[in-house]
Amino acid sequence: MGREAAVARNAIDGDAVKSGLDMPTLALISAVDRYRNGRNGAVSRQSGLGADMRKAALPLTTPPQSFIVGRSSLQAVIRTCPALTRTSPRGWNRADHSRIGVGYYRQKLGKPKGSSMRPITVVLTEGYSDWEIAPLCGAGRAFYEAEFRFVSPTGGALTSAAGLPIAETARFEAPDDGVVVVCGVPAFEADDGLKIGQKLRQARQSGCIIAGICGGTIALARAGMLDDVSHTSNGPDYLRKYVEAYSGTGRYVDKPKAVRDKDIITAPAPAPASFASEVLAAAGLEPRKAEELKSMLGAEHSS
């Protein structure tokens, strides 16, 4: 087997990268792709790589092969598999190599999975309002491959307000990068406020963007983060009622959408769509895509 085919057979699991491939290897990759489309004869005559290509494209036991072609943001990932059908490589099943085929995906893949956006740390507590972060976490991970870390003040298992159990969360420690999201929960209305203010301040000092929705804005207010930035919450009197030291009334924005000012994002409970858009944009999602997401999630309310 030639060098090109040997390279093609080298299985790269997950999103590991092979860049800077030479022209013969790129020709082989092109041949494999065209073979999948039923033009094997033409490819064999044109490229002279037909035999090696068939061996590389039809491994019996090896996992899919991956290539990232080129070094610009316009890249393509090619994976080969015995079925030779076109599909997303995400569906590959290690136990059944014959079921899944290959395709191009993520044509604008600037970096490997998740690395083009800053990590998002989501602070949850027992009884957290899961609907407030569902659009953020669901769309963020499925559509944009954002990286989420789920933590809680003391770590351990949690159950949401809707009864959705989480088997394990890490103990909340101040990250040094990314966005910290505080999900709402009635427990923040208690006097102790779950005491996460110091860690929020540490995260902010390290360069993190801090975001809170619904009761999560109480945690930000208790940490003194809302006194000198424009912000919103569950109504003009909500923060005054639960945070004695709150002095940001003059900067309060009474609107039903998320508000971002500098490194602070706030939102009322009924605004998970705009909150998701602002948080993902803060994490590095292209502004155009963030606006598209907000429009999509809010379309039913604007019709």
Protein backbone atom coordinates (compact mmCIF):
# COMPACT_ATOMS: atom_id res chain seq x y z
CA MET A 1 0.00 0.00 0.00
CA GLY A 2 1.31 3.45 -0.91
CA ARG A 3 2.14 6.21 1.53
CA GLU A 4 -1.04 8.10 0.66
CA ALA A 5 -3.25 5.13 1.42
CA ALA A 6 -1.36 4.50 4.64
CA VAL A 7 -2.07 8.07 5.67
CA ALA A 8 -5.71 7.62 4.75
CA ARG A 9 -5.97 4.51 6.88
CA ASN A 10 -4.54 6.27 9.91
CA ALA A 11 -7.63 6.59 12.09
CA ILE A 12 -7.97 9.87 13.88
CA ASP A 13 -10.58 9.63 16.59
CA GLY A 14 -12.96 12.48 17.42
CA ASP A 15 -11.83 15.83 16.09
CA ALA A 16 -8.08 15.38 16.04
CA VAL A 17 -6.49 17.29 13.20
CA LYS A 18 -4.18 16.37 10.34
CA SER A 19 -3.23 19.57 8.57
CA GLY A 20 -0.63 20.44 5.98
CA LEU A 21 -1.27 17.32 3.91
CA ASP A 22 0.75 17.00 0.72
CA MET A 23 -0.79 17.04 -2.75
CA PRO A 24 -0.74 13.24 -3.33
CA THR A 25 -2.60 12.76 -0.07
CA LEU A 26 -5.12 15.42 -1.02
CA ALA A 27 -5.57 13.66 -4.35
CA LEU A 28 -6.28 10.41 -2.52
CA ILE A 29 -8.84 12.10 -0.30
CA SER A 30 -10.53 13.52 -3.38
CA ALA A 31 -10.53 10.07 -4.94
CA VAL A 32 -12.11 8.51 -1.86
CA ASP A 33 -14.84 11.14 -1.88
CA ARG A 34 -15.57 10.64 -5.58
CA TYR A 35 -15.57 6.87 -5.10
CA ARG A 36 -18.33 7.29 -2.51
CA ASN A 37 -20.37 9.02 -5.18
CA GLY A 38 -20.16 6.05 -7.56
CA ARG A 39 -17.55 7.41 -9.97
CA ASN A 40 -14.80 4.97 -9.10
CA GLY A 41 -13.87 4.13 -12.70
CA ALA A 42 -13.32 7.72 -13.69
CA VAL A 43 -11.35 8.39 -10.53
CA SER A 44 -9.12 5.37 -11.05
CA ARG A 45 -8.25 6.45 -14.58
CA GLN A 46 -7.71 10.08 -13.67
CA SER A 47 -5.80 9.73 -10.41
CA GLY A 48 -4.03 6.41 -10.79
CA LEU A 49 -4.83 5.79 -7.14
CA GLY A 50 -7.76 3.45 -7.62
CA ALA A 51 -6.31 0.33 -5.94
CA ASP A 52 -4.87 2.09 -2.92
CA MET A 53 -7.97 4.25 -2.69
CA ARG A 54 -10.24 1.23 -2.51
CA LYS A 55 -8.13 -0.35 0.21
CA ALA A 56 -8.10 2.88 2.20
CA ALA A 57 -11.80 3.49 1.75
CA LEU A 58 -12.92 0.01 2.75
CA PRO A 59 -11.27 -0.87 6.05
CA LEU A 60 -13.12 -3.73 7.72
CA THR A 61 -12.43 -2.97 11.34
CA THR A 62 -10.85 0.46 11.63
CA PRO A 63 -12.86 3.50 12.73
CA PRO A 64 -13.57 6.43 10.41
CA GLN A 65 -10.65 8.40 9.07
CA SER A 66 -10.54 12.16 9.47
CA PHE A 67 -8.82 14.89 7.55
CA ILE A 68 -8.96 18.64 7.81
CA VAL A 69 -7.97 19.96 4.41
CA GLY A 70 -6.26 23.31 4.34
CA ARG A 71 -5.53 25.76 7.11
CA SER A 72 -8.08 28.51 6.53
CA SER A 73 -11.53 28.77 8.05
CA LEU A 74 -12.93 27.18 4.89
CA GLN A 75 -12.02 23.63 5.67
CA ALA A 76 -13.70 20.28 5.23
CA VAL A 77 -13.63 17.13 7.24
CA ILE A 78 -13.71 13.85 5.34
CA ARG A 79 -14.32 10.55 7.08
CA THR A 80 -14.45 7.15 5.43
CA CYS A 81 -16.35 4.10 6.54
CA PRO A 82 -17.36 0.74 4.97
CA ALA A 83 -20.94 1.70 4.17
CA LEU A 84 -19.70 4.50 1.89
CA THR A 85 -22.87 6.51 2.42
CA ARG A 86 -22.95 10.21 3.09
CA THR A 87 -23.93 11.25 6.58
CA SER A 88 -22.69 13.22 9.55
CA PRO A 89 -19.74 11.51 11.22
CA ARG A 90 -21.33 12.29 14.56
CA GLY A 91 -23.60 9.32 14.03
CA TRP A 92 -20.74 6.83 13.80
CA ASN A 93 -21.30 3.82 16.02
CA ARG A 94 -18.17 2.05 17.22
CA ALA A 95 -20.11 -1.19 17.54
CA ASP A 96 -21.39 -1.16 13.96
CA HIS A 97 -18.91 0.07 11.38
CA SER A 98 -21.20 -0.90 8.51
CA ARG A 99 -24.05 1.39 9.54
CA ILE A 100 -22.51 4.81 9.12
CA GLY A 101 -20.83 6.41 6.17
CA VAL A 102 -18.99 9.60 5.53
CA GLY A 103 -19.56 13.16 4.53
CA TYR A 104 -18.29 16.66 4.56
CA TYR A 105 -19.46 18.75 7.46
CA ARG A 106 -18.62 22.00 9.20
CA GLN A 107 -17.43 23.74 6.04
CA LYS A 108 -16.43 26.78 8.09
CA LEU A 109 -14.43 24.86 10.62
CA GLY A 110 -11.82 27.25 11.88
CA LYS A 111 -10.69 25.08 14.78
CA PRO A 112 -11.42 21.66 16.22
CA LYS A 113 -14.66 21.08 18.06
CA GLY A 114 -15.50 23.68 20.66
CA SER A 115 -12.14 25.44 20.65
CA SER A 116 -13.23 28.47 18.63
CA MET A 117 -15.51 29.66 21.45
CA ARG A 118 -14.74 30.44 25.06
CA PRO A 119 -16.03 27.89 27.58
CA ILE A 120 -19.34 28.55 29.32
CA THR A 121 -19.64 27.64 33.00
CA VAL A 122 -23.26 27.20 34.09
CA VAL A 123 -23.91 27.54 37.82
CA LEU A 124 -26.89 25.44 38.88
CA THR A 125 -28.54 24.89 42.25
CA GLU A 126 -31.16 22.49 43.56
CA GLY A 127 -34.50 23.28 41.91
CA TYR A 128 -32.91 25.40 39.17
CA SER A 129 -35.23 26.79 36.50
CA ASP A 130 -34.21 24.56 33.61
CA TRP A 131 -36.23 26.44 30.98
CA GLU A 132 -34.07 29.52 31.50
CA ILE A 133 -30.94 27.84 30.17
CA ALA A 134 -32.49 25.24 27.84
CA PRO A 135 -32.19 27.37 24.65
CA LEU A 136 -28.66 28.40 25.60
CA CYS A 137 -27.33 24.93 26.34
CA GLY A 138 -29.39 23.03 23.79
CA ALA A 139 -28.79 25.29 20.80
CA GLY A 140 -25.30 26.23 21.92
CA ARG A 141 -24.06 22.68 21.99
CA ALA A 142 -26.08 21.20 19.13
CA PHE A 143 -25.75 24.07 16.63
CA TYR A 144 -22.46 25.74 17.54
CA GLU A 145 -20.54 23.10 19.51
CA ALA A 146 -20.09 25.41 22.47
CA GLU A 147 -18.33 23.92 25.47
CA PHE A 148 -20.42 23.84 28.66
CA ARG A 149 -19.35 23.05 32.20
CA PHE A 150 -22.11 22.42 34.73
CA VAL A 151 -21.29 23.26 38.32
CA SER A 152 -23.08 23.94 41.60
CA PRO A 153 -22.11 25.71 44.85
CA THR A 154 -21.29 22.45 46.64
CA GLY A 155 -21.13 19.96 43.76
CA GLY A 156 -23.07 16.72 43.56
CA ALA A 157 -26.43 15.67 42.17
CA LEU A 158 -29.26 18.11 41.42
CA THR A 159 -32.86 18.05 40.28
CA SER A 160 -34.38 20.87 38.24
CA ALA A 161 -37.70 22.57 38.89
CA ALA A 162 -39.21 20.31 36.21
CA GLY A 163 -37.86 17.18 37.89
CA LEU A 164 -34.94 16.63 35.50
CA PRO A 165 -32.13 14.95 37.45
CA ILE A 166 -28.43 15.66 36.98
CA ALA A 167 -26.31 12.83 38.30
CA GLU A 168 -23.26 14.92 39.10
CA THR A 169 -22.01 18.51 39.01
CA ALA A 170 -18.56 19.81 39.83
CA ARG A 171 -18.06 22.17 42.73
CA PHE A 172 -18.11 25.77 41.54
CA GLU A 173 -14.65 27.30 41.43
CA ALA A 174 -13.92 30.60 39.73
CA PRO A 175 -12.77 29.92 36.15
CA ASP A 176 -10.11 32.08 34.57
CA ASP A 177 -11.69 32.30 31.12
CA GLY A 178 -15.03 32.25 29.36
CA VAL A 179 -18.55 33.10 30.45
CA VAL A 180 -20.08 32.28 33.84
CA VAL A 181 -23.87 31.84 33.71
CA VAL A 182 -25.94 31.88 36.89
CA CYS A 183 -29.27 30.14 36.34
CA GLY A 184 -32.28 31.32 38.30
CA VAL A 185 -33.69 29.50 41.32
CA PRO A 186 -35.93 30.64 44.21
CA ALA A 187 -33.10 29.83 46.64
CA PHE A 188 -31.33 33.02 45.57
CA GLU A 189 -34.16 34.97 47.17
CA ALA A 190 -33.11 33.67 50.59
CA ASP A 191 -30.86 35.87 52.72
CA ASP A 192 -27.74 33.76 52.27
CA GLY A 193 -28.03 33.86 48.47
CA LEU A 194 -26.00 30.62 48.30
CA LYS A 195 -22.86 32.66 48.84
CA ILE A 196 -21.23 32.50 45.41
CA GLY A 197 -20.49 36.23 45.17
CA GLN A 198 -16.80 35.97 45.97
CA LYS A 199 -16.21 33.39 43.25
CA LEU A 200 -18.18 35.47 40.76
CA ARG A 201 -15.97 38.46 41.56
CA GLN A 202 -12.85 36.32 41.17
CA ALA A 203 -14.04 35.08 37.80
CA ARG A 204 -14.77 38.62 36.65
CA GLN A 205 -11.35 39.81 37.78
CA SER A 206 -9.81 36.99 35.74
CA GLY A 207 -11.53 38.26 32.61
CA CYS A 208 -14.71 36.21 32.56
CA ILE A 209 -18.02 37.63 31.43
CA ILE A 210 -20.71 37.15 34.09
CA ALA A 211 -24.33 36.46 33.16
CA GLY A 212 -27.44 35.99 35.25
CA ILE A 213 -31.07 35.31 34.44
CA CYS A 214 -34.09 35.64 36.73
CA GLY A 215 -33.00 34.86 40.31
CA GLY A 216 -29.44 34.59 39.05
CA THR A 217 -29.41 38.39 38.80
CA ILE A 218 -29.76 38.48 42.60
CA ALA A 219 -26.42 36.70 42.89
CA LEU A 220 -24.85 39.31 40.63
CA ALA A 221 -26.43 42.15 42.60
CA ARG A 222 -25.22 40.70 45.91
CA ALA A 223 -21.74 40.53 44.42
CA GLY A 224 -21.94 44.26 43.67
CA MET A 225 -21.78 43.75 39.93
CA LEU A 226 -24.93 45.64 38.93
CA ASP A 227 -24.34 48.99 40.60
CA ASP A 228 -22.41 50.62 37.75
CA VAL A 229 -23.64 48.85 34.59
CA SER A 230 -26.91 48.84 32.69
CA HIS A 231 -28.88 45.74 33.65
CA THR A 232 -32.31 44.20 33.90
CA SER A 233 -34.10 41.58 35.99
CA ASN A 234 -37.62 40.49 36.95
CA GLY A 235 -38.91 44.02 37.42
CA PRO A 236 -37.72 47.35 38.86
CA ASP A 237 -38.42 46.36 42.47
CA TYR A 238 -37.19 42.77 42.34
CA LEU A 239 -33.54 43.43 43.13
CA ARG A 240 -34.33 46.08 45.74
CA LYS A 241 -36.58 43.61 47.53
CA TYR A 242 -33.96 40.90 47.91
CA VAL A 243 -30.62 42.75 47.95
CA GLU A 244 -30.35 45.38 50.66
CA ALA A 245 -27.00 46.67 49.42
CA TYR A 246 -28.18 47.04 45.80
CA SER A 247 -27.61 50.60 44.56
CA GLY A 248 -27.99 50.20 40.83
CA THR A 249 -31.57 51.41 40.50
CA GLY A 250 -30.50 54.27 38.25
CA ARG A 251 -28.95 51.83 35.77
CA TYR A 252 -31.93 49.46 35.67
CA VAL A 253 -33.38 48.85 32.18
CA ASP A 254 -37.04 47.86 32.31
CA LYS A 255 -37.32 45.68 29.20
CA PRO A 256 -38.34 42.06 28.54
CA LYS A 257 -35.04 41.12 26.88
CA ALA A 258 -31.49 40.40 27.91
CA VAL A 259 -29.19 43.37 28.45
CA ARG A 260 -25.42 43.38 28.06
CA ASP A 261 -23.19 46.15 29.33
CA LYS A 262 -19.44 45.63 29.27
CA ASP A 263 -18.78 42.25 30.89
CA ILE A 264 -22.21 41.78 32.49
CA ILE A 265 -25.28 40.10 30.94
CA THR A 266 -28.65 40.06 32.68
CA ALA A 267 -32.12 38.89 31.71
CA PRO A 268 -35.59 38.46 33.22
CA ALA A 269 -37.08 34.99 33.56
CA PRO A 270 -39.19 35.13 30.35
CA ALA A 271 -36.20 35.98 28.13
CA PRO A 272 -34.24 32.74 27.61
CA ALA A 273 -33.97 33.35 23.84
CA SER A 274 -32.28 36.74 23.98
CA PHE A 275 -30.24 35.54 26.96
CA ALA A 276 -28.96 32.58 24.94
CA SER A 277 -28.06 34.87 22.06
CA GLU A 278 -26.14 37.32 24.26
CA VAL A 279 -24.25 34.62 26.15
CA LEU A 280 -23.21 32.76 23.00
CA ALA A 281 -22.11 36.01 21.38
CA ALA A 282 -20.05 36.79 24.47
CA ALA A 283 -18.48 33.34 24.19
CA GLY A 284 -17.38 34.09 20.64
CA LEU A 285 -20.27 33.17 18.37
CA GLU A 286 -20.43 35.36 15.28
CA PRO A 287 -22.86 38.27 15.85
CA ARG A 288 -24.79 37.32 12.71
CA LYS A 289 -25.34 33.78 13.97
CA ALA A 290 -26.30 35.03 17.42
CA GLU A 291 -28.95 37.28 15.88
CA GLU A 292 -30.21 34.44 13.70
CA LEU A 293 -30.60 32.25 16.78
CA LYS A 294 -32.51 34.93 18.64
CA SER A 295 -34.82 35.47 15.68
CA MET A 296 -35.42 31.74 15.29
CA LEU A 297 -36.19 31.18 18.97
CA GLY A 298 -38.45 34.20 19.14
CA ALA A 299 -40.24 33.74 15.81
CA GLU A 300 -43.42 32.36 17.36
CA HIS A 301 -43.82 35.51 19.47
CA SER A 302 -43.39 37.92 16.57
CA SER A 303 -45.85 36.35 14.13
